[in-house]
């Protein structure tokens, strides 16, 4: 088996193709583990520079688990060598103004970087700005979220754990997905109103968000009951 240092982009992508199969060979899992661990140095470099030069305290992980990587390869058409979030960190900021400012600072700090703005184009309701940094040939994802965007993402994660793991990828019960999307829209509208200092709209959007959150327990209960009633 070729060592990681000898693997070309083509070999990495062929490994990814094999990982999409149902029965993954133990040798490929070991090779994937070596590959994911190879991001550690780049991750530490990125996080260290954010701490030292921007005085921020990012949270994150040096590498996705082998299971998460394999699942993503099966779920999406992305190639393993193109996966941008094998290693990544997250920065939480108070509001959109702070978010825009931090994104600009990150672009200035890391010359080899690209911005993926998911605020206007959310992924199944998920909104944030991702800055993808190339550190020594390794892609490291920096998620920049506002506090409200982060709260929504945490809610989506919890619902995925409790109701259906497919929820955060746009699957699962339509009622739950629709409610999550509506809460995401309400969050964006509230942050936009706060940014423009439109008090009347702030009150309106806050009330709308509150009404949506009040629907959650009933929707979750129904979805979980239906899931539990399914045959094993």
C-alpha atoms as a PDB file:
ATOM      1  CA  UNK A   1       0.000   0.000   0.000  1.00  0.00           C
ATOM      2  CA  UNK A   2       1.361   3.411  -0.954  1.00  0.00           C
ATOM      3  CA  UNK A   3       2.306   5.717   1.896  1.00  0.00           C
ATOM      4  CA  UNK A   4       0.612   9.103   2.153  1.00  0.00           C
ATOM      5  CA  UNK A   5       3.674  10.968   0.959  1.00  0.00           C
ATOM      6  CA  UNK A   6       3.590   8.947  -2.282  1.00  0.00           C
ATOM      7  CA  UNK A   7      -0.119   9.466  -2.944  1.00  0.00           C
ATOM      8  CA  UNK A   8      -1.008  11.675  -5.878  1.00  0.00           C
ATOM      9  CA  UNK A   9      -4.283  13.564  -6.253  1.00  0.00           C
ATOM     10  CA  UNK A  10      -5.493  10.761  -8.511  1.00  0.00           C
ATOM     11  CA  UNK A  11      -4.678   8.125  -5.879  1.00  0.00           C
ATOM     12  CA  UNK A  12      -6.479  10.149  -3.204  1.00  0.00           C
ATOM     13  CA  UNK A  13      -9.565  10.411  -5.405  1.00  0.00           C
ATOM     14  CA  UNK A  14      -9.445   6.682  -6.159  1.00  0.00           C
ATOM     15  CA  UNK A  15      -9.373   6.075  -2.413  1.00  0.00           C
ATOM     16  CA  UNK A  16     -12.465   8.289  -2.159  1.00  0.00           C
ATOM     17  CA  UNK A  17     -14.191   6.235  -4.861  1.00  0.00           C
ATOM     18  CA  UNK A  18     -13.522   3.033  -2.922  1.00  0.00           C
ATOM     19  CA  UNK A  19     -14.835   4.617   0.291  1.00  0.00           C
ATOM     20  CA  UNK A  20     -18.216   5.179  -1.375  1.00  0.00           C
ATOM     21  CA  UNK A  21     -18.787   1.429  -1.523  1.00  0.00           C
ATOM     22  CA  UNK A  22     -20.795  -0.484   1.059  1.00  0.00           C
ATOM     23  CA  UNK A  23     -18.018  -2.807   2.195  1.00  0.00           C
ATOM     24  CA  UNK A  24     -14.954  -0.680   2.873  1.00  0.00           C
ATOM     25  CA  UNK A  25     -11.677  -2.544   3.122  1.00  0.00           C
ATOM     26  CA  UNK A  26      -9.702  -2.218   6.354  1.00  0.00           C
ATOM     27  CA  UNK A  27      -6.630  -1.143   4.388  1.00  0.00           C
ATOM     28  CA  UNK A  28      -8.550   1.793   2.896  1.00  0.00           C
ATOM     29  CA  UNK A  29      -9.803   2.862   6.322  1.00  0.00           C
ATOM     30  CA  UNK A  30      -6.223   2.907   7.584  1.00  0.00           C
ATOM     31  CA  UNK A  31      -5.130   4.915   4.557  1.00  0.00           C
ATOM     32  CA  UNK A  32      -7.989   7.381   5.103  1.00  0.00           C
ATOM     33  CA  UNK A  33      -6.994   7.745   8.747  1.00  0.00           C
ATOM     34  CA  UNK A  34      -3.445   8.628   7.728  1.00  0.00           C
ATOM     35  CA  UNK A  35      -4.792  11.108   5.170  1.00  0.00           C
ATOM     36  CA  UNK A  36      -7.115  12.875   7.623  1.00  0.00           C
ATOM     37  CA  UNK A  37      -4.353  13.101  10.243  1.00  0.00           C
ATOM     38  CA  UNK A  38      -2.091  14.756   7.686  1.00  0.00           C
ATOM     39  CA  UNK A  39      -4.198  17.933   8.056  1.00  0.00           C
ATOM     40  CA  UNK A  40      -3.160  18.459  11.696  1.00  0.00           C
ATOM     41  CA  UNK A  41      -0.145  20.679  10.996  1.00  0.00           C
ATOM     42  CA  UNK A  42      -2.070  22.937   8.594  1.00  0.00           C
ATOM     43  CA  UNK A  43      -4.950  23.138  11.075  1.00  0.00           C
ATOM     44  CA  UNK A  44      -2.653  24.185  13.928  1.00  0.00           C
ATOM     45  CA  UNK A  45      -1.018  26.789  11.685  1.00  0.00           C
ATOM     46  CA  UNK A  46      -4.380  28.343  10.747  1.00  0.00           C
ATOM     47  CA  UNK A  47      -5.786  28.315  14.293  1.00  0.00           C
ATOM     48  CA  UNK A  48      -2.511  29.664  15.713  1.00  0.00           C
ATOM     49  CA  UNK A  49      -2.450  32.589  13.300  1.00  0.00           C
ATOM     50  CA  UNK A  50      -6.080  33.459  14.049  1.00  0.00           C
ATOM     51  CA  UNK A  51      -5.309  33.467  17.783  1.00  0.00           C
ATOM     52  CA  UNK A  52      -2.036  35.368  17.552  1.00  0.00           C
ATOM     53  CA  UNK A  53      -2.878  37.935  14.885  1.00  0.00           C
ATOM     54  CA  UNK A  54      -6.627  38.470  15.230  1.00  0.00           C
ATOM     55  CA  UNK A  55      -6.912  37.864  18.993  1.00  0.00           C
ATOM     56  CA  UNK A  56      -9.823  35.461  18.437  1.00  0.00           C
ATOM     57  CA  UNK A  57     -10.382  32.066  20.052  1.00  0.00           C
ATOM     58  CA  UNK A  58     -11.664  29.645  17.396  1.00  0.00           C
ATOM     59  CA  UNK A  59     -13.052  26.239  18.271  1.00  0.00           C
ATOM     60  CA  UNK A  60     -12.765  23.280  15.943  1.00  0.00           C
ATOM     61  CA  UNK A  61     -11.352  19.895  15.082  1.00  0.00           C
ATOM     62  CA  UNK A  62      -8.063  18.896  13.440  1.00  0.00           C
ATOM     63  CA  UNK A  63      -9.900  16.323  11.283  1.00  0.00           C
ATOM     64  CA  UNK A  64     -13.301  14.809  10.530  1.00  0.00           C
ATOM     65  CA  UNK A  65     -13.789  11.220  11.600  1.00  0.00           C
ATOM     66  CA  UNK A  66     -13.332   8.506   8.991  1.00  0.00           C
ATOM     67  CA  UNK A  67     -17.068   7.756   9.269  1.00  0.00           C
ATOM     68  CA  UNK A  68     -18.045  11.386   8.605  1.00  0.00           C
ATOM     69  CA  UNK A  69     -15.771  11.554   5.576  1.00  0.00           C
ATOM     70  CA  UNK A  70     -17.105   8.284   4.132  1.00  0.00           C
ATOM     71  CA  UNK A  71     -20.707   9.383   4.729  1.00  0.00           C
ATOM     72  CA  UNK A  72     -20.118  12.699   2.970  1.00  0.00           C
ATOM     73  CA  UNK A  73     -18.529  10.950  -0.012  1.00  0.00           C
ATOM     74  CA  UNK A  74     -21.633   8.763  -0.349  1.00  0.00           C
ATOM     75  CA  UNK A  75     -23.999  11.696   0.135  1.00  0.00           C
ATOM     76  CA  UNK A  76     -22.347  14.080  -2.319  1.00  0.00           C
ATOM     77  CA  UNK A  77     -20.526  13.919  -5.645  1.00  0.00           C
ATOM     78  CA  UNK A  78     -17.437  15.672  -4.271  1.00  0.00           C
ATOM     79  CA  UNK A  79     -14.001  14.098  -4.724  1.00  0.00           C
ATOM     80  CA  UNK A  80     -11.916  13.326  -1.662  1.00  0.00           C
ATOM     81  CA  UNK A  81      -9.078  15.640  -2.777  1.00  0.00           C
ATOM     82  CA  UNK A  82     -11.582  18.514  -3.120  1.00  0.00           C
ATOM     83  CA  UNK A  83     -13.182  18.128   0.314  1.00  0.00           C
ATOM     84  CA  UNK A  84     -12.776  21.473   2.069  1.00  0.00           C
ATOM     85  CA  UNK A  85     -13.863  20.605   5.597  1.00  0.00           C
ATOM     86  CA  UNK A  86     -11.729  17.621   6.563  1.00  0.00           C
ATOM     87  CA  UNK A  87     -10.191  19.988   9.097  1.00  0.00           C
ATOM     88  CA  UNK A  88     -11.760  23.217  10.259  1.00  0.00           C
ATOM     89  CA  UNK A  89     -12.502  25.698  12.984  1.00  0.00           C
ATOM     90  CA  UNK A  90     -15.303  28.073  13.905  1.00  0.00           C
ATOM     91  CA  UNK A  91     -15.506  31.676  15.036  1.00  0.00           C
ATOM     92  CA  UNK A  92     -18.719  32.992  16.641  1.00  0.00           C
ATOM     93  CA  UNK A  93     -19.378  36.746  16.391  1.00  0.00           C
ATOM     94  CA  UNK A  94     -22.218  38.915  17.743  1.00  0.00           C
ATOM     95  CA  UNK A  95     -23.802  40.158  14.512  1.00  0.00           C
ATOM     96  CA  UNK A  96     -23.544  40.586  10.736  1.00  0.00           C
ATOM     97  CA  UNK A  97     -21.330  43.686  10.998  1.00  0.00           C
ATOM     98  CA  UNK A  98     -18.808  41.733  13.061  1.00  0.00           C
ATOM     99  CA  UNK A  99     -19.090  38.825  10.655  1.00  0.00           C
ATOM    100  CA  UNK A 100     -18.273  40.991   7.626  1.00  0.00           C
ATOM    101  CA  UNK A 101     -15.328  42.545   9.482  1.00  0.00           C
ATOM    102  CA  UNK A 102     -13.841  39.200  10.540  1.00  0.00           C
ATOM    103  CA  UNK A 103     -14.201  37.757   7.031  1.00  0.00           C
ATOM    104  CA  UNK A 104     -12.244  40.710   5.612  1.00  0.00           C
ATOM    105  CA  UNK A 105      -9.550  40.227   8.272  1.00  0.00           C
ATOM    106  CA  UNK A 106      -9.293  36.520   7.484  1.00  0.00           C
ATOM    107  CA  UNK A 107      -8.937  37.241   3.764  1.00  0.00           C
ATOM    108  CA  UNK A 108      -6.107  39.678   4.551  1.00  0.00           C
ATOM    109  CA  UNK A 109      -4.448  37.239   6.953  1.00  0.00           C
ATOM    110  CA  UNK A 110      -4.545  34.281   4.546  1.00  0.00           C
ATOM    111  CA  UNK A 111      -3.588  35.225   0.998  1.00  0.00           C
ATOM    112  CA  UNK A 112      -4.529  31.826  -0.412  1.00  0.00           C
ATOM    113  CA  UNK A 113      -8.188  31.778   0.585  1.00  0.00           C
ATOM    114  CA  UNK A 114     -11.697  31.833  -0.859  1.00  0.00           C
ATOM    115  CA  UNK A 115     -15.012  32.960   0.638  1.00  0.00           C
ATOM    116  CA  UNK A 116     -18.190  30.886   0.506  1.00  0.00           C
ATOM    117  CA  UNK A 117     -21.031  33.165   1.667  1.00  0.00           C
ATOM    118  CA  UNK A 118     -23.977  30.990   2.665  1.00  0.00           C
ATOM    119  CA  UNK A 119     -26.132  33.771   4.079  1.00  0.00           C
ATOM    120  CA  UNK A 120     -28.090  34.624   0.934  1.00  0.00           C
ATOM    121  CA  UNK A 121     -27.735  31.054  -0.402  1.00  0.00           C
ATOM    122  CA  UNK A 122     -28.347  28.854   2.643  1.00  0.00           C
ATOM    123  CA  UNK A 123     -27.708  25.115   2.597  1.00  0.00           C
ATOM    124  CA  UNK A 124     -30.953  23.555   3.892  1.00  0.00           C
ATOM    125  CA  UNK A 125     -31.417  26.613   6.131  1.00  0.00           C
ATOM    126  CA  UNK A 126     -27.801  26.719   7.298  1.00  0.00           C
ATOM    127  CA  UNK A 127     -26.353  30.242   7.087  1.00  0.00           C
ATOM    128  CA  UNK A 128     -22.770  31.295   7.735  1.00  0.00           C
ATOM    129  CA  UNK A 129     -19.701  32.546   5.913  1.00  0.00           C
ATOM    130  CA  UNK A 130     -16.947  30.012   5.266  1.00  0.00           C
ATOM    131  CA  UNK A 131     -13.396  31.080   4.506  1.00  0.00           C
ATOM    132  CA  UNK A 132     -11.462  28.231   2.866  1.00  0.00           C
ATOM    133  CA  UNK A 133      -7.725  28.560   3.477  1.00  0.00           C
ATOM    134  CA  UNK A 134      -4.991  26.743   1.564  1.00  0.00           C
ATOM    135  CA  UNK A 135      -2.235  26.060   4.086  1.00  0.00           C
ATOM    136  CA  UNK A 136       0.655  24.105   2.601  1.00  0.00           C
ATOM    137  CA  UNK A 137      -1.630  22.439   0.074  1.00  0.00           C
ATOM    138  CA  UNK A 138      -4.205  21.463   2.709  1.00  0.00           C
ATOM    139  CA  UNK A 139      -7.670  23.061   2.659  1.00  0.00           C
ATOM    140  CA  UNK A 140      -8.840  24.275   6.070  1.00  0.00           C
ATOM    141  CA  UNK A 141     -12.385  25.563   6.556  1.00  0.00           C
ATOM    142  CA  UNK A 142     -13.034  28.523   8.858  1.00  0.00           C
ATOM    143  CA  UNK A 143     -16.716  28.937   9.689  1.00  0.00           C
ATOM    144  CA  UNK A 144     -17.708  32.453  10.716  1.00  0.00           C
ATOM    145  CA  UNK A 145     -21.165  32.454  12.296  1.00  0.00           C
ATOM    146  CA  UNK A 146     -23.218  35.094  14.076  1.00  0.00           C
ATOM    147  CA  UNK A 147     -24.687  34.091  17.423  1.00  0.00           C
ATOM    148  CA  UNK A 148     -28.136  33.632  15.849  1.00  0.00           C
ATOM    149  CA  UNK A 149     -26.731  31.611  12.952  1.00  0.00           C
ATOM    150  CA  UNK A 150     -24.884  29.430  15.444  1.00  0.00           C
ATOM    151  CA  UNK A 151     -28.025  28.949  17.555  1.00  0.00           C
ATOM    152  CA  UNK A 152     -29.903  27.782  14.437  1.00  0.00           C
ATOM    153  CA  UNK A 153     -27.085  25.377  13.497  1.00  0.00           C
ATOM    154  CA  UNK A 154     -27.062  23.933  17.029  1.00  0.00           C
ATOM    155  CA  UNK A 155     -30.838  23.468  16.855  1.00  0.00           C
ATOM    156  CA  UNK A 156     -30.505  21.651  13.530  1.00  0.00           C
ATOM    157  CA  UNK A 157     -27.836  19.365  15.001  1.00  0.00           C
ATOM    158  CA  UNK A 158     -29.991  18.547  18.031  1.00  0.00           C
ATOM    159  CA  UNK A 159     -33.019  17.783  15.890  1.00  0.00           C
ATOM    160  CA  UNK A 160     -30.879  15.540  13.701  1.00  0.00           C
ATOM    161  CA  UNK A 161     -29.788  13.638  16.805  1.00  0.00           C
ATOM    162  CA  UNK A 162     -33.274  13.323  18.275  1.00  0.00           C
ATOM    163  CA  UNK A 163     -35.550  13.002  15.236  1.00  0.00           C
ATOM    164  CA  UNK A 164     -33.625  12.064  12.073  1.00  0.00           C
ATOM    165  CA  UNK A 165     -29.960  12.346  11.093  1.00  0.00           C
ATOM    166  CA  UNK A 166     -30.983  13.357   7.564  1.00  0.00           C
ATOM    167  CA  UNK A 167     -32.553  16.640   8.718  1.00  0.00           C
ATOM    168  CA  UNK A 168     -29.390  18.726   8.503  1.00  0.00           C
ATOM    169  CA  UNK A 169     -28.882  17.543   4.923  1.00  0.00           C
ATOM    170  CA  UNK A 170     -32.367  18.471   3.774  1.00  0.00           C
ATOM    171  CA  UNK A 171     -33.943  15.070   4.419  1.00  0.00           C
ATOM    172  CA  UNK A 172     -36.204  13.683   7.112  1.00  0.00           C
ATOM    173  CA  UNK A 173     -39.752  14.801   7.885  1.00  0.00           C
ATOM    174  CA  UNK A 174     -40.919  17.624   5.617  1.00  0.00           C
ATOM    175  CA  UNK A 175     -42.745  19.319   8.491  1.00  0.00           C
ATOM    176  CA  UNK A 176     -39.544  19.555  10.526  1.00  0.00           C
ATOM    177  CA  UNK A 177     -37.461  20.687   7.554  1.00  0.00           C
ATOM    178  CA  UNK A 178     -40.043  23.341   6.641  1.00  0.00           C
ATOM    179  CA  UNK A 179     -40.129  24.704  10.185  1.00  0.00           C
ATOM    180  CA  UNK A 180     -36.341  24.825  10.361  1.00  0.00           C
ATOM    181  CA  UNK A 181     -36.218  26.704   7.045  1.00  0.00           C
ATOM    182  CA  UNK A 182     -38.794  29.201   8.321  1.00  0.00           C
ATOM    183  CA  UNK A 183     -36.777  29.772  11.510  1.00  0.00           C
ATOM    184  CA  UNK A 184     -33.665  30.294   9.382  1.00  0.00           C
ATOM    185  CA  UNK A 185     -35.487  32.915   7.293  1.00  0.00           C
ATOM    186  CA  UNK A 186     -36.769  34.619  10.429  1.00  0.00           C
ATOM    187  CA  UNK A 187     -33.232  34.708  11.824  1.00  0.00           C
ATOM    188  CA  UNK A 188     -31.934  36.379   8.671  1.00  0.00           C
ATOM    189  CA  UNK A 189     -34.778  38.910   8.683  1.00  0.00           C
ATOM    190  CA  UNK A 190     -34.183  39.735  12.345  1.00  0.00           C
ATOM    191  CA  UNK A 191     -30.447  40.236  11.806  1.00  0.00           C
ATOM    192  CA  UNK A 192     -31.169  42.442   8.783  1.00  0.00           C
ATOM    193  CA  UNK A 193     -33.592  44.539  10.849  1.00  0.00           C
ATOM    194  CA  UNK A 194     -31.026  44.861  13.639  1.00  0.00           C
ATOM    195  CA  UNK A 195     -28.405  45.945  11.123  1.00  0.00           C
ATOM    196  CA  UNK A 196     -30.646  48.698   9.760  1.00  0.00           C
ATOM    197  CA  UNK A 197     -31.810  49.680  13.272  1.00  0.00           C
ATOM    198  CA  UNK A 198     -35.431  49.258  12.179  1.00  0.00           C
ATOM    199  CA  UNK A 199     -37.118  48.905  15.577  1.00  0.00           C
ATOM    200  CA  UNK A 200     -40.629  48.196  14.248  1.00  0.00           C
ATOM    201  CA  UNK A 201     -39.336  45.442  11.981  1.00  0.00           C
ATOM    202  CA  UNK A 202     -37.176  44.039  14.787  1.00  0.00           C
ATOM    203  CA  UNK A 203     -40.247  43.645  16.985  1.00  0.00           C
ATOM    204  CA  UNK A 204     -42.202  42.056  14.136  1.00  0.00           C
ATOM    205  CA  UNK A 205     -39.438  39.565  13.252  1.00  0.00           C
ATOM    206  CA  UNK A 206     -38.771  38.732  16.893  1.00  0.00           C
ATOM    207  CA  UNK A 207     -42.463  37.904  17.365  1.00  0.00           C
ATOM    208  CA  UNK A 208     -42.445  35.800  14.201  1.00  0.00           C
ATOM    209  CA  UNK A 209     -39.397  33.871  15.415  1.00  0.00           C
ATOM    210  CA  UNK A 210     -40.991  33.336  18.820  1.00  0.00           C
ATOM    211  CA  UNK A 211     -44.165  31.977  17.214  1.00  0.00           C
ATOM    212  CA  UNK A 212     -42.109  29.549  15.101  1.00  0.00           C
ATOM    213  CA  UNK A 213     -40.108  28.328  18.096  1.00  0.00           C
ATOM    214  CA  UNK A 214     -43.344  27.723  19.998  1.00  0.00           C
ATOM    215  CA  UNK A 215     -44.368  25.266  17.271  1.00  0.00           C
ATOM    216  CA  UNK A 216     -41.197  23.191  17.690  1.00  0.00           C
ATOM    217  CA  UNK A 217     -42.164  20.923  20.619  1.00  0.00           C
ATOM    218  CA  UNK A 218     -45.372  19.750  18.918  1.00  0.00           C
ATOM    219  CA  UNK A 219     -43.650  19.154  15.560  1.00  0.00           C
ATOM    220  CA  UNK A 220     -40.741  17.294  17.173  1.00  0.00           C
ATOM    221  CA  UNK A 221     -43.097  15.137  19.251  1.00  0.00           C
ATOM    222  CA  UNK A 222     -45.112  14.103  16.168  1.00  0.00           C
ATOM    223  CA  UNK A 223     -42.014  13.354  14.135  1.00  0.00           C
ATOM    224  CA  UNK A 224     -40.445  11.285  16.916  1.00  0.00           C
ATOM    225  CA  UNK A 225     -43.666   9.342  17.506  1.00  0.00           C
ATOM    226  CA  UNK A 226     -43.892   8.510  13.803  1.00  0.00           C
ATOM    227  CA  UNK A 227     -40.234   7.461  13.763  1.00  0.00           C
ATOM    228  CA  UNK A 228     -40.659   5.243  16.851  1.00  0.00           C
ATOM    229  CA  UNK A 229     -43.727   3.605  15.286  1.00  0.00           C
ATOM    230  CA  UNK A 230     -41.751   2.431  12.266  1.00  0.00           C
ATOM    231  CA  UNK A 231     -40.728  -1.274  12.269  1.00  0.00           C
ATOM    232  CA  UNK A 232     -37.081  -1.938  13.134  1.00  0.00           C
END
